[in-house]
């Protein structure tokens, strides 16, 4: 018996959320590049660092602090989640 909850969003919800998230990222990157006036460096690492910490915080809050539930929602293993939480001081 599989006791793990089905964490997959419905197709309608997923299709509505993905463009919104993508558009937010696109706008933020466009603005950053504009503000940097062509002097962007290591943008990939910057974006990942800026996104990962709030992502982990929000998912941990949603999971009520349950690392197993949060790891499942993120699609990573619990040890990886613990490492990332420590890295970000969460």
C-alpha atoms as a PDB file:
ATOM      1  CA  UNK A   1       0.000   0.000   0.000  1.00  0.00           C
ATOM      2  CA  UNK A   2       1.409   3.396  -1.008  1.00  0.00           C
ATOM      3  CA  UNK A   3       0.734   5.910   1.771  1.00  0.00           C
ATOM      4  CA  UNK A   4       2.518   8.791   0.025  1.00  0.00           C
ATOM      5  CA  UNK A   5       0.117  11.545  -1.020  1.00  0.00           C
ATOM      6  CA  UNK A   6      -0.297  12.326  -4.689  1.00  0.00           C
ATOM      7  CA  UNK A   7       1.632  15.598  -4.938  1.00  0.00           C
ATOM      8  CA  UNK A   8       1.066  16.063  -8.669  1.00  0.00           C
ATOM      9  CA  UNK A   9      -0.993  19.081  -9.625  1.00  0.00           C
ATOM     10  CA  UNK A  10      -3.943  18.658 -11.906  1.00  0.00           C
ATOM     11  CA  UNK A  11      -3.099  19.315 -15.546  1.00  0.00           C
ATOM     12  CA  UNK A  12      -5.267  22.457 -15.579  1.00  0.00           C
ATOM     13  CA  UNK A  13      -3.628  23.871 -12.442  1.00  0.00           C
ATOM     14  CA  UNK A  14      -0.145  22.968 -13.641  1.00  0.00           C
ATOM     15  CA  UNK A  15      -0.658  24.557 -17.051  1.00  0.00           C
ATOM     16  CA  UNK A  16      -1.957  27.747 -15.413  1.00  0.00           C
ATOM     17  CA  UNK A  17       0.913  27.994 -12.906  1.00  0.00           C
ATOM     18  CA  UNK A  18       3.855  27.225 -15.174  1.00  0.00           C
ATOM     19  CA  UNK A  19       3.397  30.172 -17.536  1.00  0.00           C
ATOM     20  CA  UNK A  20       2.916  32.512 -14.559  1.00  0.00           C
ATOM     21  CA  UNK A  21       6.131  31.338 -12.915  1.00  0.00           C
ATOM     22  CA  UNK A  22       8.010  31.403 -16.216  1.00  0.00           C
ATOM     23  CA  UNK A  23       6.768  34.907 -16.935  1.00  0.00           C
ATOM     24  CA  UNK A  24       7.869  36.119 -13.490  1.00  0.00           C
ATOM     25  CA  UNK A  25      11.337  34.684 -14.051  1.00  0.00           C
ATOM     26  CA  UNK A  26      11.506  36.133 -17.559  1.00  0.00           C
ATOM     27  CA  UNK A  27      10.538  39.599 -16.334  1.00  0.00           C
ATOM     28  CA  UNK A  28      13.034  39.472 -13.465  1.00  0.00           C
ATOM     29  CA  UNK A  29      15.894  38.345 -15.728  1.00  0.00           C
ATOM     30  CA  UNK A  30      15.012  40.949 -18.369  1.00  0.00           C
ATOM     31  CA  UNK A  31      14.997  43.687 -15.750  1.00  0.00           C
ATOM     32  CA  UNK A  32      18.250  42.479 -14.208  1.00  0.00           C
ATOM     33  CA  UNK A  33      19.972  42.425 -17.602  1.00  0.00           C
ATOM     34  CA  UNK A  34      18.626  45.880 -18.403  1.00  0.00           C
ATOM     35  CA  UNK A  35      19.720  47.271 -15.026  1.00  0.00           C
ATOM     36  CA  UNK A  36      23.180  45.715 -15.387  1.00  0.00           C
ATOM     37  CA  UNK A  37      23.564  47.440 -18.760  1.00  0.00           C
ATOM     38  CA  UNK A  38      25.175  44.424 -20.405  1.00  0.00           C
ATOM     39  CA  UNK A  39      27.565  43.656 -17.540  1.00  0.00           C
ATOM     40  CA  UNK A  40      25.900  40.453 -16.272  1.00  0.00           C
ATOM     41  CA  UNK A  41      28.231  37.765 -14.956  1.00  0.00           C
ATOM     42  CA  UNK A  42      27.457  34.293 -13.557  1.00  0.00           C
ATOM     43  CA  UNK A  43      23.733  34.873 -14.024  1.00  0.00           C
ATOM     44  CA  UNK A  44      22.868  31.166 -13.806  1.00  0.00           C
ATOM     45  CA  UNK A  45      24.362  30.792 -10.311  1.00  0.00           C
ATOM     46  CA  UNK A  46      22.793  34.080  -9.212  1.00  0.00           C
ATOM     47  CA  UNK A  47      19.299  33.038 -10.295  1.00  0.00           C
ATOM     48  CA  UNK A  48      19.590  29.598  -8.722  1.00  0.00           C
ATOM     49  CA  UNK A  49      20.810  31.059  -5.445  1.00  0.00           C
ATOM     50  CA  UNK A  50      18.042  33.686  -5.401  1.00  0.00           C
ATOM     51  CA  UNK A  51      15.299  31.161  -6.194  1.00  0.00           C
ATOM     52  CA  UNK A  52      16.391  28.126  -4.185  1.00  0.00           C
ATOM     53  CA  UNK A  53      16.253  29.664  -0.704  1.00  0.00           C
ATOM     54  CA  UNK A  54      12.680  31.033  -0.911  1.00  0.00           C
ATOM     55  CA  UNK A  55      11.572  27.855  -2.706  1.00  0.00           C
ATOM     56  CA  UNK A  56      12.882  25.691   0.127  1.00  0.00           C
ATOM     57  CA  UNK A  57      11.429  28.001   2.787  1.00  0.00           C
ATOM     58  CA  UNK A  58       7.964  28.015   1.222  1.00  0.00           C
ATOM     59  CA  UNK A  59       7.872  24.260   0.635  1.00  0.00           C
ATOM     60  CA  UNK A  60       9.052  23.568   4.191  1.00  0.00           C
ATOM     61  CA  UNK A  61       6.329  25.886   5.532  1.00  0.00           C
ATOM     62  CA  UNK A  62       3.750  24.158   3.317  1.00  0.00           C
ATOM     63  CA  UNK A  63       4.945  20.759   4.572  1.00  0.00           C
ATOM     64  CA  UNK A  64       4.709  21.873   8.190  1.00  0.00           C
ATOM     65  CA  UNK A  65       8.430  21.241   8.644  1.00  0.00           C
ATOM     66  CA  UNK A  66       8.132  17.626   7.485  1.00  0.00           C
ATOM     67  CA  UNK A  67      11.301  17.059   5.463  1.00  0.00           C
ATOM     68  CA  UNK A  68      10.057  13.828   3.898  1.00  0.00           C
ATOM     69  CA  UNK A  69       6.916  15.528   2.591  1.00  0.00           C
ATOM     70  CA  UNK A  70       8.901  18.562   1.388  1.00  0.00           C
ATOM     71  CA  UNK A  71      11.513  16.393  -0.347  1.00  0.00           C
ATOM     72  CA  UNK A  72       8.775  14.432  -2.118  1.00  0.00           C
ATOM     73  CA  UNK A  73       7.094  17.658  -3.283  1.00  0.00           C
ATOM     74  CA  UNK A  74      10.428  18.984  -4.571  1.00  0.00           C
ATOM     75  CA  UNK A  75      11.324  15.698  -6.258  1.00  0.00           C
ATOM     76  CA  UNK A  76      14.614  15.366  -4.370  1.00  0.00           C
ATOM     77  CA  UNK A  77      15.759  12.960  -1.715  1.00  0.00           C
ATOM     78  CA  UNK A  78      15.573  13.901   1.963  1.00  0.00           C
ATOM     79  CA  UNK A  79      19.356  13.918   2.435  1.00  0.00           C
ATOM     80  CA  UNK A  80      19.696  16.392  -0.451  1.00  0.00           C
ATOM     81  CA  UNK A  81      16.985  18.547   1.075  1.00  0.00           C
ATOM     82  CA  UNK A  82      18.732  18.543   4.475  1.00  0.00           C
ATOM     83  CA  UNK A  83      22.008  19.567   2.792  1.00  0.00           C
ATOM     84  CA  UNK A  84      20.293  22.421   0.931  1.00  0.00           C
ATOM     85  CA  UNK A  85      18.479  23.592   4.070  1.00  0.00           C
ATOM     86  CA  UNK A  86      21.767  23.720   5.971  1.00  0.00           C
ATOM     87  CA  UNK A  87      23.471  25.532   3.094  1.00  0.00           C
ATOM     88  CA  UNK A  88      20.803  28.245   3.217  1.00  0.00           C
ATOM     89  CA  UNK A  89      20.621  28.345   7.012  1.00  0.00           C
ATOM     90  CA  UNK A  90      17.034  27.129   7.074  1.00  0.00           C
END
